[in-house]
Amino acid sequence: MSSFRRRIALAICPELSRQPLVVRAPMRPSDLVRLSFLMECHLGVTHWAVSMRVASKGDLIDRFKAGGDARSATIIKALQRFSDIWPTDLEWPSDIPRPDPSQEAVR
């Protein structure tokens, strides 16, 4: 966030000054392709099978492999779903931020 925008935000909502500014690296479709590849190898399934589990669309990972892009919301939802279904005996890549499993996945 630019310093000008931050000053305006603080003027509107002073309690933000007590909260640290957290900047996360943007997720890229290539990160999802990598997660898919790791899961494919671990489970012995195709990228279409992983894509169906993650997005209910068999071609999502295929489109990313071909250089396609997606809206941020699609990438965030897919990342959350990867986190929810990630095998417990497979290590999550350290350079990709992992969201906490959703409540539905915990049950």
C-alpha atoms as a PDB file:
ATOM      1  CA  MET A   1       0.000   0.000   0.000  1.00  0.00           C
ATOM      2  CA  SER A   2       1.438   3.386  -0.908  1.00  0.00           C
ATOM      3  CA  SER A   3       2.223   5.765   1.938  1.00  0.00           C
ATOM      4  CA  PHE A   4      -0.407   8.224   0.690  1.00  0.00           C
ATOM      5  CA  ARG A   5      -3.118   5.554   0.690  1.00  0.00           C
ATOM      6  CA  ARG A   6      -1.955   4.357   4.105  1.00  0.00           C
ATOM      7  CA  ARG A   7      -2.188   7.889   5.551  1.00  0.00           C
ATOM      8  CA  ILE A   8      -5.736   8.231   4.236  1.00  0.00           C
ATOM      9  CA  ALA A   9      -6.670   4.821   5.643  1.00  0.00           C
ATOM     10  CA  LEU A  10      -5.213   5.812   9.034  1.00  0.00           C
ATOM     11  CA  ALA A  11      -7.135   9.090   8.988  1.00  0.00           C
ATOM     12  CA  ILE A  12     -10.367   7.172   8.392  1.00  0.00           C
ATOM     13  CA  CYS A  13      -9.600   4.264  10.682  1.00  0.00           C
ATOM     14  CA  PRO A  14      -6.893   5.120  13.299  1.00  0.00           C
ATOM     15  CA  GLU A  15      -6.968   1.629  14.854  1.00  0.00           C
ATOM     16  CA  LEU A  16      -5.099   0.386  11.776  1.00  0.00           C
ATOM     17  CA  SER A  17      -1.947   1.990  13.203  1.00  0.00           C
ATOM     18  CA  ARG A  18      -1.861  -0.726  15.871  1.00  0.00           C
ATOM     19  CA  GLN A  19      -1.938  -3.492  13.286  1.00  0.00           C
ATOM     20  CA  PRO A  20       1.152  -4.465  11.318  1.00  0.00           C
ATOM     21  CA  LEU A  21       1.008  -4.040   7.573  1.00  0.00           C
ATOM     22  CA  VAL A  22       1.175  -7.489   6.002  1.00  0.00           C
ATOM     23  CA  VAL A  23       2.032  -7.765   2.350  1.00  0.00           C
ATOM     24  CA  ARG A  24       1.712 -11.202   0.819  1.00  0.00           C
ATOM     25  CA  ALA A  25       3.317 -12.260  -2.386  1.00  0.00           C
ATOM     26  CA  PRO A  26       0.741 -12.591  -5.141  1.00  0.00           C
ATOM     27  CA  MET A  27      -0.249 -16.110  -6.056  1.00  0.00           C
ATOM     28  CA  ARG A  28       0.478 -17.135  -9.601  1.00  0.00           C
ATOM     29  CA  PRO A  29      -1.140 -19.855 -11.685  1.00  0.00           C
ATOM     30  CA  SER A  30       2.320 -21.464 -11.911  1.00  0.00           C
ATOM     31  CA  ASP A  31       2.183 -22.021  -8.120  1.00  0.00           C
ATOM     32  CA  LEU A  32      -1.036 -23.991  -8.581  1.00  0.00           C
ATOM     33  CA  VAL A  33       0.553 -25.994 -11.403  1.00  0.00           C
ATOM     34  CA  ARG A  34       3.417 -26.871  -9.059  1.00  0.00           C
ATOM     35  CA  LEU A  35       1.049 -27.905  -6.262  1.00  0.00           C
ATOM     36  CA  SER A  36      -0.860 -29.998  -8.770  1.00  0.00           C
ATOM     37  CA  PHE A  37       2.331 -31.689  -9.994  1.00  0.00           C
ATOM     38  CA  LEU A  38       3.375 -32.571  -6.439  1.00  0.00           C
ATOM     39  CA  MET A  39      -0.055 -33.993  -5.669  1.00  0.00           C
ATOM     40  CA  GLU A  40      -0.197 -35.891  -8.983  1.00  0.00           C
ATOM     41  CA  CYS A  41       3.135 -37.574  -8.295  1.00  0.00           C
ATOM     42  CA  HIS A  42       2.264 -38.344  -4.689  1.00  0.00           C
ATOM     43  CA  LEU A  43      -1.183 -39.792  -5.404  1.00  0.00           C
ATOM     44  CA  GLY A  44      -0.401 -41.311  -8.801  1.00  0.00           C
ATOM     45  CA  VAL A  45      -3.224 -39.489 -10.600  1.00  0.00           C
ATOM     46  CA  THR A  46      -3.417 -37.153 -13.617  1.00  0.00           C
ATOM     47  CA  HIS A  47      -3.573 -33.370 -13.502  1.00  0.00           C
ATOM     48  CA  TRP A  48      -7.177 -33.658 -14.688  1.00  0.00           C
ATOM     49  CA  ALA A  49      -8.030 -35.668 -11.572  1.00  0.00           C
ATOM     50  CA  VAL A  50      -6.336 -33.108  -9.321  1.00  0.00           C
ATOM     51  CA  SER A  51      -8.055 -30.276 -11.189  1.00  0.00           C
ATOM     52  CA  MET A  52     -11.454 -31.910 -10.656  1.00  0.00           C
ATOM     53  CA  ARG A  53     -10.750 -32.244  -6.931  1.00  0.00           C
ATOM     54  CA  VAL A  54      -9.625 -28.637  -6.665  1.00  0.00           C
ATOM     55  CA  ALA A  55     -12.006 -26.765  -8.967  1.00  0.00           C
ATOM     56  CA  SER A  56     -14.578 -29.245 -10.302  1.00  0.00           C
ATOM     57  CA  LYS A  57     -13.149 -28.393 -13.727  1.00  0.00           C
ATOM     58  CA  GLY A  58     -10.881 -30.917 -15.344  1.00  0.00           C
ATOM     59  CA  ASP A  59      -9.180 -28.336 -17.533  1.00  0.00           C
ATOM     60  CA  LEU A  60      -8.217 -25.687 -14.944  1.00  0.00           C
ATOM     61  CA  ILE A  61      -4.656 -26.916 -14.360  1.00  0.00           C
ATOM     62  CA  ASP A  62      -4.344 -27.713 -18.068  1.00  0.00           C
ATOM     63  CA  ARG A  63      -5.165 -24.072 -18.914  1.00  0.00           C
ATOM     64  CA  PHE A  64      -2.556 -22.858 -16.428  1.00  0.00           C
ATOM     65  CA  LYS A  65       0.035 -25.221 -17.918  1.00  0.00           C
ATOM     66  CA  ALA A  66      -0.687 -23.694 -21.323  1.00  0.00           C
ATOM     67  CA  GLY A  67       0.062 -20.229 -19.925  1.00  0.00           C
ATOM     68  CA  GLY A  68      -3.503 -19.202 -19.175  1.00  0.00           C
ATOM     69  CA  ASP A  69      -4.404 -16.858 -16.361  1.00  0.00           C
ATOM     70  CA  ALA A  70      -7.334 -16.573 -13.984  1.00  0.00           C
ATOM     71  CA  ARG A  71      -9.066 -14.057 -11.780  1.00  0.00           C
ATOM     72  CA  SER A  72      -7.613 -13.594  -8.308  1.00  0.00           C
ATOM     73  CA  ALA A  73     -10.731 -15.103  -6.745  1.00  0.00           C
ATOM     74  CA  THR A  74     -10.295 -18.295  -8.784  1.00  0.00           C
ATOM     75  CA  ILE A  75      -6.658 -18.624  -7.748  1.00  0.00           C
ATOM     76  CA  ILE A  76      -7.462 -17.965  -4.078  1.00  0.00           C
ATOM     77  CA  LYS A  77     -10.294 -20.529  -4.089  1.00  0.00           C
ATOM     78  CA  ALA A  78      -8.090 -23.117  -5.781  1.00  0.00           C
ATOM     79  CA  LEU A  79      -5.271 -22.494  -3.298  1.00  0.00           C
ATOM     80  CA  GLN A  80      -7.704 -22.900  -0.397  1.00  0.00           C
ATOM     81  CA  ARG A  81      -9.003 -26.145  -1.853  1.00  0.00           C
ATOM     82  CA  PHE A  82      -5.442 -27.439  -2.315  1.00  0.00           C
ATOM     83  CA  SER A  83      -4.795 -26.650   1.342  1.00  0.00           C
ATOM     84  CA  ASP A  84      -8.011 -28.418   2.371  1.00  0.00           C
ATOM     85  CA  ILE A  85      -7.251 -31.651   0.506  1.00  0.00           C
ATOM     86  CA  TRP A  86      -3.446 -31.696   0.815  1.00  0.00           C
ATOM     87  CA  PRO A  87      -2.208 -35.145   1.938  1.00  0.00           C
ATOM     88  CA  THR A  88      -0.877 -35.142   5.491  1.00  0.00           C
ATOM     89  CA  ASP A  89       2.157 -37.199   4.493  1.00  0.00           C
ATOM     90  CA  LEU A  90       3.223 -34.740   1.758  1.00  0.00           C
ATOM     91  CA  GLU A  91       5.146 -31.595   2.683  1.00  0.00           C
ATOM     92  CA  TRP A  92       3.695 -28.300   1.448  1.00  0.00           C
ATOM     93  CA  PRO A  93       6.299 -26.232  -0.506  1.00  0.00           C
ATOM     94  CA  SER A  94       7.869 -23.656   1.805  1.00  0.00           C
ATOM     95  CA  ASP A  95       7.884 -20.868  -0.787  1.00  0.00           C
ATOM     96  CA  ILE A  96       4.104 -20.994  -1.347  1.00  0.00           C
ATOM     97  CA  PRO A  97       2.050 -19.489   1.496  1.00  0.00           C
ATOM     98  CA  ARG A  98      -0.458 -22.059   2.724  1.00  0.00           C
ATOM     99  CA  PRO A  99      -3.850 -20.930   4.000  1.00  0.00           C
ATOM    100  CA  ASP A 100      -5.277 -22.605   7.081  1.00  0.00           C
ATOM    101  CA  PRO A 101      -7.678 -25.448   6.254  1.00  0.00           C
ATOM    102  CA  SER A 102     -11.273 -24.280   6.077  1.00  0.00           C
ATOM    103  CA  GLN A 103     -13.803 -25.358   8.695  1.00  0.00           C
ATOM    104  CA  GLU A 104     -15.482 -27.749   6.237  1.00  0.00           C
ATOM    105  CA  ALA A 105     -12.177 -29.538   5.662  1.00  0.00           C
ATOM    106  CA  VAL A 106     -11.471 -29.879   9.381  1.00  0.00           C
ATOM    107  CA  ARG A 107     -14.712 -31.771  10.021  1.00  0.00           C
END
